[in-house]
Amino acid sequence: MVPSSAKKIALWAGASILLALAVREYLGYHFFYEYKEVRSSARSIEGSLSQLEKNLKRAVFFSKNPVFYKEMARLYLEMALAENEFGTEERRDFYLDAAKESLIELIRRNPIDAFAYFEMGKVYMLYNFPLLTYMDRGRFYLRKALEFKPADEFLNLNIIYIYLTQWDFLEHGEKSFILERLERMREANQNFIPQLRKSWRENFGNEDKLEQILKKYTENHSCI
């Protein structure tokens, strides 16, 4: 049976749409791979930022792939960290705003990406640093990350550490949550607590505050 003219037009239109989508996705990855090539050969992110940013923006223009938004957020957050250490507060917050916008789009397209929430938590922790003005908002996103990936060791180690550094500001429910996570990770991996202690020493020079927290609030401290 020969398709009618209307069916032929519909089939042609459908094929054209699929082809256009495929071309856009191809172009998105084309510019994304150009970005990765420039990044791998760059002497510094700062020196190559213009080209890196241009390639990522082109990738996002052609394809709204969450991977591209994640990489864009990573780039802007790295620039914010560099500005925080060597630059100005204004430039730091400029890049934090850009990272936040990329993460908002990433979460909108992939609302169960735990690492997107982790990165958003870091953004809010860095705003107005070292005053930690938005630490409550930051912890909200960090906790969301663990809700989506509760067994991930990297997330647990970094998020538990951040919570413990802000112990005196935590509400009772937050303290209970983080101590429960600490106990679960200790049971799952005997090296977890030593890794936590190592991170604490590297940043504070000693474990006095950490010991104080564990002794006061953690049951069965002798096994920790």
N, C-alpha and C. Protein backbone atom coordinates (compact mmCIF):
# COMPACT_ATOMS: atom_id res chain seq x y z
N MET A 1 0.85 -1.20 0.00
CA MET A 1 0.00 0.00 0.00
C MET A 1 0.89 1.25 0.00
N VAL A 2 0.71 2.12 -0.96
CA VAL A 2 1.53 3.32 -1.10
C VAL A 2 1.07 4.36 -0.10
N PRO A 3 2.00 4.91 0.71
CA PRO A 3 1.60 5.92 1.69
C PRO A 3 0.99 7.14 1.00
N SER A 4 0.04 7.73 1.66
CA SER A 4 -0.57 8.95 1.13
C SER A 4 0.43 10.09 1.20
N SER A 5 0.13 11.19 0.52
CA SER A 5 1.01 12.36 0.54
C SER A 5 1.20 12.89 1.94
N ALA A 6 0.12 12.86 2.74
CA ALA A 6 0.21 13.36 4.11
C ALA A 6 1.15 12.50 4.94
N LYS A 7 1.07 11.18 4.75
CA LYS A 7 1.95 10.28 5.49
C LYS A 7 3.41 10.48 5.07
N LYS A 8 3.61 10.67 3.77
CA LYS A 8 4.97 10.90 3.28
C LYS A 8 5.56 12.17 3.90
N ILE A 9 4.72 13.21 3.96
CA ILE A 9 5.18 14.47 4.54
C ILE A 9 5.50 14.30 6.01
N ALA A 10 4.64 13.54 6.71
CA ALA A 10 4.86 13.31 8.13
C ALA A 10 6.15 12.52 8.37
N LEU A 11 6.37 11.48 7.54
CA LEU A 11 7.59 10.69 7.67
C LEU A 11 8.83 11.54 7.37
N TRP A 12 8.73 12.36 6.35
CA TRP A 12 9.86 13.24 5.99
C TRP A 12 10.13 14.24 7.10
N ALA A 13 9.08 14.81 7.67
CA ALA A 13 9.25 15.78 8.74
C ALA A 13 9.88 15.12 9.97
N GLY A 14 9.40 13.90 10.29
CA GLY A 14 9.96 13.19 11.44
C GLY A 14 11.43 12.88 11.25
N ALA A 15 11.78 12.43 10.04
CA ALA A 15 13.18 12.12 9.75
C ALA A 15 14.04 13.37 9.80
N SER A 16 13.51 14.48 9.34
CA SER A 16 14.25 15.75 9.35
C SER A 16 14.51 16.21 10.78
N ILE A 17 13.50 16.05 11.64
CA ILE A 17 13.67 16.44 13.04
C ILE A 17 14.74 15.60 13.71
N LEU A 18 14.68 14.30 13.47
CA LEU A 18 15.68 13.40 14.06
C LEU A 18 17.08 13.73 13.56
N LEU A 19 17.19 14.04 12.28
CA LEU A 19 18.49 14.41 11.72
C LEU A 19 19.01 15.70 12.33
N ALA A 20 18.12 16.68 12.50
CA ALA A 20 18.53 17.96 13.08
C ALA A 20 19.00 17.76 14.53
N LEU A 21 18.28 16.93 15.28
CA LEU A 21 18.68 16.66 16.66
C LEU A 21 20.03 15.96 16.72
N ALA A 22 20.24 15.02 15.80
CA ALA A 22 21.51 14.30 15.77
C ALA A 22 22.67 15.24 15.43
N VAL A 23 22.42 16.15 14.48
CA VAL A 23 23.46 17.11 14.09
C VAL A 23 23.80 18.03 15.26
N ARG A 24 22.77 18.51 15.97
CA ARG A 24 23.00 19.39 17.11
C ARG A 24 23.79 18.67 18.20
N GLU A 25 23.44 17.41 18.45
CA GLU A 25 24.17 16.65 19.47
C GLU A 25 25.62 16.45 19.04
N TYR A 26 25.82 16.17 17.75
CA TYR A 26 27.18 16.00 17.24
C TYR A 26 28.00 17.27 17.42
N LEU A 27 27.40 18.41 17.06
CA LEU A 27 28.11 19.67 17.19
C LEU A 27 28.40 20.00 18.66
N GLY A 28 27.45 19.66 19.52
CA GLY A 28 27.69 19.87 20.95
C GLY A 28 28.93 19.12 21.42
N TYR A 29 29.02 17.86 21.07
CA TYR A 29 30.19 17.07 21.48
C TYR A 29 31.45 17.51 20.74
N HIS A 30 31.28 17.99 19.52
CA HIS A 30 32.44 18.49 18.78
C HIS A 30 33.12 19.62 19.55
N PHE A 31 32.35 20.58 19.99
CA PHE A 31 32.92 21.71 20.74
C PHE A 31 33.34 21.30 22.15
N PHE A 32 32.65 20.32 22.70
CA PHE A 32 33.05 19.83 24.03
C PHE A 32 34.42 19.16 23.97
N TYR A 33 34.65 18.37 22.93
CA TYR A 33 35.96 17.74 22.78
C TYR A 33 37.04 18.76 22.46
N GLU A 34 36.68 19.82 21.75
CA GLU A 34 37.64 20.90 21.53
C GLU A 34 38.00 21.56 22.87
N TYR A 35 37.01 21.73 23.71
CA TYR A 35 37.25 22.28 25.05
C TYR A 35 38.23 21.39 25.82
N LYS A 36 37.98 20.09 25.80
CA LYS A 36 38.83 19.17 26.55
C LYS A 36 40.25 19.16 25.99
N GLU A 37 40.39 19.29 24.68
CA GLU A 37 41.72 19.33 24.07
C GLU A 37 42.48 20.58 24.51
N VAL A 38 41.80 21.72 24.48
CA VAL A 38 42.44 22.97 24.92
C VAL A 38 42.82 22.87 26.39
N ARG A 39 41.92 22.32 27.19
CA ARG A 39 42.18 22.22 28.62
C ARG A 39 43.37 21.32 28.92
N SER A 40 43.48 20.21 28.21
CA SER A 40 44.56 19.27 28.48
C SER A 40 45.93 19.84 28.12
N SER A 41 45.96 20.79 27.19
CA SER A 41 47.24 21.36 26.77
C SER A 41 47.50 22.74 27.36
N ALA A 42 46.55 23.26 28.13
CA ALA A 42 46.68 24.60 28.67
C ALA A 42 47.71 24.66 29.79
N ARG A 43 48.52 25.69 29.79
CA ARG A 43 49.47 25.89 30.89
C ARG A 43 48.76 26.32 32.16
N SER A 44 47.68 27.06 31.99
CA SER A 44 46.89 27.48 33.14
C SER A 44 45.45 27.67 32.69
N ILE A 45 44.52 27.41 33.60
CA ILE A 45 43.11 27.62 33.29
C ILE A 45 42.84 29.10 33.05
N GLU A 46 43.46 29.95 33.88
CA GLU A 46 43.24 31.39 33.74
C GLU A 46 43.65 31.90 32.36
N GLY A 47 44.82 31.44 31.89
CA GLY A 47 45.34 31.91 30.61
C GLY A 47 44.53 31.44 29.42
N SER A 48 43.82 30.33 29.57
CA SER A 48 43.05 29.76 28.46
C SER A 48 41.55 29.91 28.66
N LEU A 49 41.15 30.68 29.66
CA LEU A 49 39.74 30.76 30.02
C LEU A 49 38.86 31.19 28.86
N SER A 50 39.29 32.18 28.09
CA SER A 50 38.47 32.70 27.01
C SER A 50 38.10 31.61 26.01
N GLN A 51 39.11 30.82 25.59
CA GLN A 51 38.86 29.75 24.63
C GLN A 51 38.05 28.62 25.26
N LEU A 52 38.37 28.28 26.49
CA LEU A 52 37.65 27.21 27.18
C LEU A 52 36.17 27.57 27.32
N GLU A 53 35.92 28.77 27.75
CA GLU A 53 34.55 29.22 27.95
C GLU A 53 33.79 29.26 26.63
N LYS A 54 34.46 29.72 25.58
CA LYS A 54 33.81 29.82 24.27
C LYS A 54 33.39 28.44 23.77
N ASN A 55 34.27 27.46 23.90
CA ASN A 55 33.94 26.11 23.44
C ASN A 55 32.80 25.50 24.24
N LEU A 56 32.79 25.72 25.55
CA LEU A 56 31.71 25.17 26.36
C LEU A 56 30.38 25.85 26.04
N LYS A 57 30.41 27.15 25.84
CA LYS A 57 29.16 27.85 25.50
C LYS A 57 28.62 27.38 24.15
N ARG A 58 29.50 27.11 23.22
CA ARG A 58 29.05 26.57 21.94
C ARG A 58 28.48 25.17 22.11
N ALA A 59 29.11 24.37 22.94
CA ALA A 59 28.60 23.01 23.19
C ALA A 59 27.20 23.07 23.78
N VAL A 60 27.00 23.96 24.75
CA VAL A 60 25.69 24.11 25.39
C VAL A 60 24.67 24.67 24.40
N PHE A 61 25.10 25.56 23.52
CA PHE A 61 24.18 26.13 22.54
C PHE A 61 23.58 25.05 21.65
N PHE A 62 24.40 24.12 21.22
CA PHE A 62 23.93 23.10 20.30
C PHE A 62 23.25 21.93 21.03
N SER A 63 23.70 21.62 22.22
CA SER A 63 23.14 20.48 22.95
C SER A 63 23.05 20.82 24.43
N LYS A 64 21.90 20.62 25.00
CA LYS A 64 21.71 20.91 26.42
C LYS A 64 22.09 19.71 27.29
N ASN A 65 23.09 18.99 26.87
CA ASN A 65 23.54 17.81 27.59
C ASN A 65 24.00 18.19 29.01
N PRO A 66 23.49 17.50 30.04
CA PRO A 66 23.90 17.82 31.41
C PRO A 66 25.41 17.76 31.63
N VAL A 67 26.09 16.91 30.89
CA VAL A 67 27.55 16.79 31.02
C VAL A 67 28.22 18.13 30.74
N PHE A 68 27.71 18.87 29.77
CA PHE A 68 28.31 20.15 29.41
C PHE A 68 28.09 21.19 30.51
N TYR A 69 26.91 21.18 31.09
CA TYR A 69 26.64 22.11 32.20
C TYR A 69 27.51 21.78 33.41
N LYS A 70 27.72 20.49 33.65
CA LYS A 70 28.56 20.08 34.78
C LYS A 70 29.98 20.57 34.59
N GLU A 71 30.50 20.44 33.37
CA GLU A 71 31.87 20.88 33.11
C GLU A 71 31.98 22.40 33.17
N MET A 72 30.95 23.09 32.73
CA MET A 72 30.97 24.54 32.81
C MET A 72 30.98 25.01 34.26
N ALA A 73 30.17 24.36 35.09
CA ALA A 73 30.17 24.69 36.52
C ALA A 73 31.53 24.42 37.14
N ARG A 74 32.14 23.32 36.75
CA ARG A 74 33.47 22.99 37.26
C ARG A 74 34.49 24.06 36.89
N LEU A 75 34.43 24.52 35.64
CA LEU A 75 35.37 25.55 35.18
C LEU A 75 35.20 26.84 35.97
N TYR A 76 33.96 27.27 36.14
CA TYR A 76 33.71 28.52 36.86
C TYR A 76 34.06 28.40 38.34
N LEU A 77 33.82 27.23 38.91
CA LEU A 77 34.15 27.05 40.33
C LEU A 77 35.66 27.06 40.53
N GLU A 78 36.41 26.49 39.59
CA GLU A 78 37.86 26.54 39.67
C GLU A 78 38.36 27.98 39.59
N MET A 79 37.73 28.76 38.71
CA MET A 79 38.12 30.17 38.60
C MET A 79 37.77 30.92 39.89
N ALA A 80 36.64 30.59 40.49
CA ALA A 80 36.25 31.24 41.75
C ALA A 80 37.24 30.92 42.85
N LEU A 81 37.69 29.67 42.91
CA LEU A 81 38.67 29.28 43.92
C LEU A 81 39.99 30.01 43.71
N ALA A 82 40.39 30.16 42.45
CA ALA A 82 41.62 30.88 42.15
C ALA A 82 41.50 32.35 42.55
N GLU A 83 40.36 32.95 42.27
CA GLU A 83 40.14 34.35 42.66
C GLU A 83 40.09 34.49 44.18
N ASN A 84 39.53 33.50 44.84
CA ASN A 84 39.46 33.55 46.30
C ASN A 84 40.85 33.55 46.93
N GLU A 85 41.78 32.85 46.28
CA GLU A 85 43.13 32.73 46.82
C GLU A 85 44.05 33.85 46.35
N PHE A 86 43.93 34.22 45.08
CA PHE A 86 44.90 35.16 44.51
C PHE A 86 44.28 36.44 43.95
N GLY A 87 42.96 36.50 43.86
CA GLY A 87 42.33 37.63 43.19
C GLY A 87 41.49 38.49 44.11
N THR A 88 40.29 38.83 43.63
CA THR A 88 39.42 39.73 44.37
C THR A 88 38.10 39.04 44.72
N GLU A 89 37.45 39.57 45.74
CA GLU A 89 36.15 39.04 46.14
C GLU A 89 35.11 39.23 45.05
N GLU A 90 35.19 40.36 44.37
CA GLU A 90 34.22 40.65 43.32
C GLU A 90 34.32 39.63 42.19
N ARG A 91 35.54 39.34 41.76
CA ARG A 91 35.72 38.36 40.69
C ARG A 91 35.36 36.96 41.17
N ARG A 92 35.66 36.65 42.42
CA ARG A 92 35.28 35.36 42.97
C ARG A 92 33.77 35.17 42.90
N ASP A 93 33.02 36.16 43.36
CA ASP A 93 31.57 36.05 43.37
C ASP A 93 30.99 36.05 41.97
N PHE A 94 31.66 36.73 41.04
CA PHE A 94 31.23 36.71 39.64
C PHE A 94 31.26 35.28 39.10
N TYR A 95 32.35 34.57 39.36
CA TYR A 95 32.46 33.20 38.87
C TYR A 95 31.57 32.25 39.66
N LEU A 96 31.34 32.54 40.94
CA LEU A 96 30.41 31.72 41.72
C LEU A 96 28.99 31.85 41.16
N ASP A 97 28.61 33.06 40.78
CA ASP A 97 27.30 33.25 40.16
C ASP A 97 27.18 32.44 38.88
N ALA A 98 28.25 32.46 38.08
CA ALA A 98 28.23 31.71 36.82
C ALA A 98 28.16 30.21 37.08
N ALA A 99 28.91 29.74 38.07
CA ALA A 99 28.86 28.32 38.42
C ALA A 99 27.47 27.93 38.91
N LYS A 100 26.87 28.78 39.72
CA LYS A 100 25.53 28.50 40.25
C LYS A 100 24.51 28.38 39.12
N GLU A 101 24.58 29.29 38.14
CA GLU A 101 23.64 29.23 37.03
C GLU A 101 23.80 27.94 36.24
N SER A 102 25.03 27.51 36.04
CA SER A 102 25.27 26.25 35.33
C SER A 102 24.72 25.07 36.12
N LEU A 103 24.89 25.10 37.43
CA LEU A 103 24.41 24.01 38.27
C LEU A 103 22.89 23.99 38.35
N ILE A 104 22.27 25.15 38.32
CA ILE A 104 20.80 25.20 38.30
C ILE A 104 20.28 24.50 37.05
N GLU A 105 20.91 24.77 35.91
CA GLU A 105 20.51 24.11 34.67
C GLU A 105 20.80 22.62 34.72
N LEU A 106 21.94 22.25 35.30
CA LEU A 106 22.29 20.84 35.41
C LEU A 106 21.27 20.09 36.26
N ILE A 107 20.90 20.65 37.40
CA ILE A 107 19.95 20.00 38.30
C ILE A 107 18.56 19.95 37.64
N ARG A 108 18.22 20.97 36.88
CA ARG A 108 16.93 20.96 36.19
C ARG A 108 16.85 19.82 35.19
N ARG A 109 17.96 19.52 34.54
CA ARG A 109 17.98 18.47 33.53
C ARG A 109 18.29 17.09 34.12
N ASN A 110 18.96 17.06 35.26
CA ASN A 110 19.27 15.79 35.92
C ASN A 110 19.12 15.96 37.43
N PRO A 111 17.89 15.94 37.91
CA PRO A 111 17.63 16.28 39.32
C PRO A 111 18.11 15.24 40.34
N ILE A 112 18.67 14.14 39.89
CA ILE A 112 19.18 13.13 40.84
C ILE A 112 20.71 13.02 40.78
N ASP A 113 21.35 14.00 40.17
CA ASP A 113 22.82 14.00 40.10
C ASP A 113 23.39 14.47 41.44
N ALA A 114 23.87 13.53 42.24
CA ALA A 114 24.36 13.86 43.58
C ALA A 114 25.50 14.86 43.55
N PHE A 115 26.37 14.72 42.57
CA PHE A 115 27.54 15.59 42.52
C PHE A 115 27.18 17.02 42.13
N ALA A 116 26.05 17.20 41.44
CA ALA A 116 25.58 18.55 41.15
C ALA A 116 25.22 19.28 42.45
N TYR A 117 24.57 18.57 43.36
CA TYR A 117 24.21 19.16 44.66
C TYR A 117 25.47 19.41 45.50
N PHE A 118 26.43 18.50 45.40
CA PHE A 118 27.69 18.67 46.13
C PHE A 118 28.40 19.94 45.66
N GLU A 119 28.46 20.13 44.35
CA GLU A 119 29.12 21.32 43.81
C GLU A 119 28.35 22.59 44.18
N MET A 120 27.02 22.51 44.18
CA MET A 120 26.23 23.67 44.58
C MET A 120 26.49 24.01 46.05
N GLY A 121 26.64 22.99 46.88
CA GLY A 121 26.99 23.23 48.27
C GLY A 121 28.31 23.95 48.41
N LYS A 122 29.29 23.57 47.61
CA LYS A 122 30.59 24.23 47.64
C LYS A 122 30.48 25.69 47.20
N VAL A 123 29.64 25.95 46.21
CA VAL A 123 29.44 27.33 45.75
C VAL A 123 28.95 28.20 46.90
N TYR A 124 27.94 27.73 47.61
CA TYR A 124 27.39 28.54 48.70
C TYR A 124 28.37 28.67 49.87
N MET A 125 29.20 27.66 50.09
CA MET A 125 30.20 27.74 51.14
C MET A 125 31.27 28.80 50.81
N LEU A 126 31.48 29.01 49.52
CA LEU A 126 32.54 29.93 49.11
C LEU A 126 32.07 31.37 49.01
N TYR A 127 30.77 31.58 48.88
CA TYR A 127 30.26 32.95 48.87
C TYR A 127 30.65 33.68 50.16
N ASN A 128 31.20 34.87 50.00
CA ASN A 128 31.56 35.72 51.15
C ASN A 128 32.55 35.06 52.10
N PHE A 129 33.33 34.10 51.59
CA PHE A 129 34.34 33.41 52.40
C PHE A 129 35.35 34.44 52.93
N PRO A 130 35.82 34.34 54.17
CA PRO A 130 35.67 33.22 55.11
C PRO A 130 34.51 33.35 56.09
N LEU A 131 33.57 34.27 55.84
CA LEU A 131 32.49 34.50 56.79
C LEU A 131 31.43 33.40 56.76
N LEU A 132 31.38 32.61 55.69
CA LEU A 132 30.41 31.52 55.58
C LEU A 132 28.98 32.01 55.79
N THR A 133 28.67 33.11 55.14
CA THR A 133 27.35 33.73 55.27
C THR A 133 26.23 32.79 54.86
N TYR A 134 26.50 31.97 53.85
CA TYR A 134 25.46 31.10 53.31
C TYR A 134 25.72 29.62 53.65
N MET A 135 26.34 29.38 54.80
CA MET A 135 26.69 28.00 55.14
C MET A 135 25.45 27.12 55.32
N ASP A 136 24.35 27.69 55.83
CA ASP A 136 23.13 26.90 55.99
C ASP A 136 22.63 26.40 54.64
N ARG A 137 22.64 27.28 53.66
CA ARG A 137 22.22 26.91 52.31
C ARG A 137 23.18 25.89 51.72
N GLY A 138 24.45 26.07 51.98
CA GLY A 138 25.44 25.12 51.49
C GLY A 138 25.22 23.74 52.06
N ARG A 139 24.97 23.66 53.36
CA ARG A 139 24.75 22.35 53.99
C ARG A 139 23.48 21.69 53.46
N PHE A 140 22.48 22.49 53.13
CA PHE A 140 21.26 21.93 52.55
C PHE A 140 21.59 21.13 51.28
N TYR A 141 22.39 21.72 50.40
CA TYR A 141 22.74 21.04 49.16
C TYR A 141 23.67 19.84 49.41
N LEU A 142 24.58 19.97 50.36
CA LEU A 142 25.46 18.85 50.68
C LEU A 142 24.66 17.66 51.19
N ARG A 143 23.68 17.93 52.02
CA ARG A 143 22.85 16.84 52.53
C ARG A 143 22.04 16.19 51.42
N LYS A 144 21.56 17.00 50.48
CA LYS A 144 20.84 16.45 49.33
C LYS A 144 21.73 15.51 48.53
N ALA A 145 23.01 15.86 48.41
CA ALA A 145 23.94 15.00 47.69
C ALA A 145 24.01 13.62 48.33
N LEU A 146 24.09 13.58 49.65
CA LEU A 146 24.16 12.29 50.35
C LEU A 146 22.84 11.53 50.28
N GLU A 147 21.74 12.23 50.17
CA GLU A 147 20.46 11.55 50.03
C GLU A 147 20.40 10.77 48.73
N PHE A 148 21.01 11.31 47.69
CA PHE A 148 20.99 10.64 46.39
C PHE A 148 22.10 9.59 46.25
N LYS A 149 23.21 9.76 47.00
CA LYS A 149 24.31 8.78 46.90
C LYS A 149 24.85 8.53 48.30
N PRO A 150 24.07 7.85 49.13
CA PRO A 150 24.44 7.71 50.55
C PRO A 150 25.66 6.83 50.80
N ALA A 151 26.05 6.00 49.85
CA ALA A 151 27.17 5.09 50.08
C ALA A 151 28.47 5.58 49.44
N ASP A 152 28.43 6.70 48.77
CA ASP A 152 29.63 7.19 48.08
C ASP A 152 30.66 7.68 49.10
N GLU A 153 31.83 7.07 49.08
CA GLU A 153 32.85 7.37 50.08
C GLU A 153 33.41 8.78 49.93
N PHE A 154 33.63 9.21 48.68
CA PHE A 154 34.16 10.55 48.45
C PHE A 154 33.22 11.61 49.01
N LEU A 155 31.93 11.48 48.68
CA LEU A 155 30.95 12.45 49.16
C LEU A 155 30.87 12.43 50.68
N ASN A 156 30.81 11.24 51.25
CA ASN A 156 30.71 11.15 52.71
C ASN A 156 31.91 11.77 53.40
N LEU A 157 33.10 11.48 52.92
CA LEU A 157 34.30 11.99 53.55
C LEU A 157 34.33 13.52 53.52
N ASN A 158 34.04 14.08 52.37
CA ASN A 158 34.11 15.54 52.23
C ASN A 158 32.96 16.25 52.94
N ILE A 159 31.78 15.68 52.87
CA ILE A 159 30.61 16.33 53.48
C ILE A 159 30.63 16.19 54.99
N ILE A 160 30.98 15.03 55.49
CA ILE A 160 31.10 14.86 56.94
C ILE A 160 32.16 15.81 57.49
N TYR A 161 33.27 15.93 56.78
CA TYR A 161 34.32 16.85 57.21
C TYR A 161 33.80 18.28 57.30
N ILE A 162 33.08 18.73 56.27
CA ILE A 162 32.55 20.10 56.26
C ILE A 162 31.58 20.31 57.41
N TYR A 163 30.71 19.36 57.63
CA TYR A 163 29.76 19.47 58.74
C TYR A 163 30.49 19.55 60.07
N LEU A 164 31.51 18.74 60.26
CA LEU A 164 32.22 18.74 61.53
C LEU A 164 32.96 20.06 61.76
N THR A 165 33.46 20.67 60.68
CA THR A 165 34.13 21.97 60.85
C THR A 165 33.14 23.06 61.26
N GLN A 166 31.86 22.84 61.01
CA GLN A 166 30.83 23.82 61.37
C GLN A 166 29.98 23.32 62.55
N TRP A 167 30.54 22.44 63.34
CA TRP A 167 29.78 21.75 64.38
C TRP A 167 29.01 22.68 65.30
N ASP A 168 29.63 23.75 65.73
CA ASP A 168 29.00 24.65 66.69
C ASP A 168 27.81 25.40 66.09
N PHE A 169 27.67 25.37 64.77
CA PHE A 169 26.55 26.06 64.12
C PHE A 169 25.42 25.11 63.74
N LEU A 170 25.62 23.81 63.94
CA LEU A 170 24.63 22.83 63.51
C LEU A 170 23.46 22.74 64.47
N GLU A 171 22.28 22.47 63.90
CA GLU A 171 21.12 22.17 64.72
C GLU A 171 21.20 20.71 65.18
N HIS A 172 20.36 20.38 66.16
CA HIS A 172 20.40 19.03 66.73
C HIS A 172 20.19 17.96 65.65
N GLY A 173 19.23 18.20 64.75
CA GLY A 173 18.96 17.22 63.70
C GLY A 173 20.13 17.03 62.77
N GLU A 174 20.84 18.11 62.48
CA GLU A 174 22.02 18.01 61.61
C GLU A 174 23.13 17.22 62.29
N LYS A 175 23.30 17.43 63.59
CA LYS A 175 24.33 16.69 64.32
C LYS A 175 24.00 15.20 64.34
N SER A 176 22.75 14.88 64.57
CA SER A 176 22.34 13.47 64.58
C SER A 176 22.55 12.84 63.22
N PHE A 177 22.21 13.58 62.16
CA PHE A 177 22.38 13.08 60.80
C PHE A 177 23.83 12.78 60.50
N ILE A 178 24.71 13.71 60.82
CA ILE A 178 26.11 13.55 60.44
C ILE A 178 26.79 12.48 61.27
N LEU A 179 26.40 12.33 62.54
CA LEU A 179 26.98 11.27 63.36
C LEU A 179 26.51 9.90 62.90
N GLU A 180 25.27 9.83 62.42
CA GLU A 180 24.77 8.57 61.87
C GLU A 180 25.54 8.21 60.61
N ARG A 181 25.82 9.21 59.76
CA ARG A 181 26.61 8.97 58.55
C ARG A 181 28.03 8.53 58.94
N LEU A 182 28.59 9.15 59.94
CA LEU A 182 29.94 8.82 60.39
C LEU A 182 30.01 7.37 60.85
N GLU A 183 29.02 6.95 61.61
CA GLU A 183 29.01 5.58 62.11
C GLU A 183 28.84 4.57 60.98
N ARG A 184 27.97 4.87 60.04
CA ARG A 184 27.76 3.97 58.90
C ARG A 184 29.03 3.82 58.07
N MET A 185 29.72 4.92 57.83
CA MET A 185 30.94 4.86 57.03
C MET A 185 32.06 4.17 57.78
N ARG A 186 32.11 4.34 59.11
CA ARG A 186 33.12 3.64 59.91
C ARG A 186 32.90 2.13 59.83
N GLU A 187 31.65 1.70 59.85
CA GLU A 187 31.34 0.28 59.75
C GLU A 187 31.66 -0.27 58.37
N ALA A 188 31.48 0.56 57.34
CA ALA A 188 31.69 0.10 55.97
C ALA A 188 33.16 0.07 55.59
N ASN A 189 33.97 0.94 56.20
CA ASN A 189 35.37 1.04 55.80
C ASN A 189 36.21 1.44 57.01
N GLN A 190 37.09 0.56 57.43
CA GLN A 190 37.90 0.82 58.63
C GLN A 190 38.89 1.96 58.43
N ASN A 191 39.15 2.32 57.16
CA ASN A 191 40.08 3.42 56.89
C ASN A 191 39.39 4.78 56.82
N PHE A 192 38.07 4.78 56.97
CA PHE A 192 37.34 6.04 56.81
C PHE A 192 37.72 7.06 57.88
N ILE A 193 37.72 6.65 59.14
CA ILE A 193 38.05 7.57 60.23
C ILE A 193 39.50 8.06 60.13
N PRO A 194 40.48 7.17 59.86
CA PRO A 194 41.85 7.67 59.65
C PRO A 194 41.95 8.69 58.52
N GLN A 195 41.18 8.50 57.45
CA GLN A 195 41.19 9.48 56.36
C GLN A 195 40.62 10.81 56.83
N LEU A 196 39.57 10.74 57.61
CA LEU A 196 38.96 11.95 58.15
C LEU A 196 39.94 12.69 59.06
N ARG A 197 40.62 11.93 59.91
CA ARG A 197 41.61 12.52 60.81
C ARG A 197 42.74 13.18 60.02
N LYS A 198 43.16 12.53 58.96
CA LYS A 198 44.24 13.07 58.14
C LYS A 198 43.84 14.41 57.53
N SER A 199 42.63 14.47 56.97
CA SER A 199 42.15 15.73 56.40
C SER A 199 42.09 16.82 57.46
N TRP A 200 41.66 16.45 58.66
CA TRP A 200 41.55 17.43 59.75
C TRP A 200 42.93 17.97 60.13
N ARG A 201 43.90 17.07 60.26
CA ARG A 201 45.26 17.50 60.62
C ARG A 201 45.86 18.40 59.55
N GLU A 202 45.64 18.07 58.30
CA GLU A 202 46.21 18.84 57.21
C GLU A 202 45.69 20.28 57.20
N ASN A 203 44.47 20.48 57.66
CA ASN A 203 43.86 21.79 57.63
C ASN A 203 43.95 22.55 58.95
N PHE A 204 44.01 21.82 60.07
CA PHE A 204 44.02 22.48 61.37
C PHE A 204 45.30 22.26 62.16
N GLY A 205 46.15 21.37 61.71
CA GLY A 205 47.42 21.13 62.38
C GLY A 205 47.35 20.14 63.53
N ASN A 206 46.17 19.93 64.08
CA ASN A 206 45.98 18.95 65.14
C ASN A 206 44.53 18.47 65.12
N GLU A 207 44.22 17.53 66.00
CA GLU A 207 42.87 16.95 66.02
C GLU A 207 42.10 17.33 67.27
N ASP A 208 42.50 18.39 67.93
CA ASP A 208 41.89 18.73 69.23
C ASP A 208 40.38 18.92 69.13
N LYS A 209 39.95 19.74 68.19
CA LYS A 209 38.51 20.00 68.05
C LYS A 209 37.76 18.75 67.62
N LEU A 210 38.35 18.00 66.71
CA LEU A 210 37.71 16.76 66.25
C LEU A 210 37.53 15.80 67.42
N GLU A 211 38.57 15.65 68.23
CA GLU A 211 38.49 14.77 69.39
C GLU A 211 37.42 15.24 70.36
N GLN A 212 37.33 16.52 70.53
CA GLN A 212 36.33 17.09 71.43
C GLN A 212 34.91 16.74 70.95
N ILE A 213 34.69 16.86 69.65
CA ILE A 213 33.38 16.54 69.09
C ILE A 213 33.06 15.07 69.27
N LEU A 214 34.01 14.22 68.92
CA LEU A 214 33.76 12.78 68.99
C LEU A 214 33.56 12.30 70.42
N LYS A 215 34.34 12.81 71.33
CA LYS A 215 34.23 12.38 72.72
C LYS A 215 32.91 12.83 73.34
N LYS A 216 32.46 14.00 72.96
CA LYS A 216 31.28 14.56 73.60
C LYS A 216 29.99 14.01 73.01
N TYR A 217 30.00 13.74 71.70
CA TYR A 217 28.74 13.44 71.04
C TYR A 217 28.64 12.03 70.44
N THR A 218 29.74 11.30 70.37
CA THR A 218 29.69 10.01 69.70
C THR A 218 29.74 8.86 70.69
N GLU A 219 28.83 7.93 70.57
CA GLU A 219 28.82 6.75 71.42
C GLU A 219 29.93 5.80 70.96
N ASN A 220 30.37 4.96 71.90
CA ASN A 220 31.41 3.97 71.59
C ASN A 220 32.64 4.62 70.98
N HIS A 221 33.07 5.72 71.57
CA HIS A 221 34.19 6.46 71.01
C HIS A 221 35.46 5.63 70.92
N SER A 222 35.60 4.65 71.78
CA SER A 222 36.83 3.85 71.78
C SER A 222 37.04 3.11 70.48
N CYS A 223 35.94 2.82 69.75
CA CYS A 223 36.09 2.11 68.48
C CYS A 223 36.30 3.06 67.32
N ILE A 224 36.22 4.37 67.59
CA ILE A 224 36.46 5.36 66.52
C ILE A 224 37.89 5.85 66.59
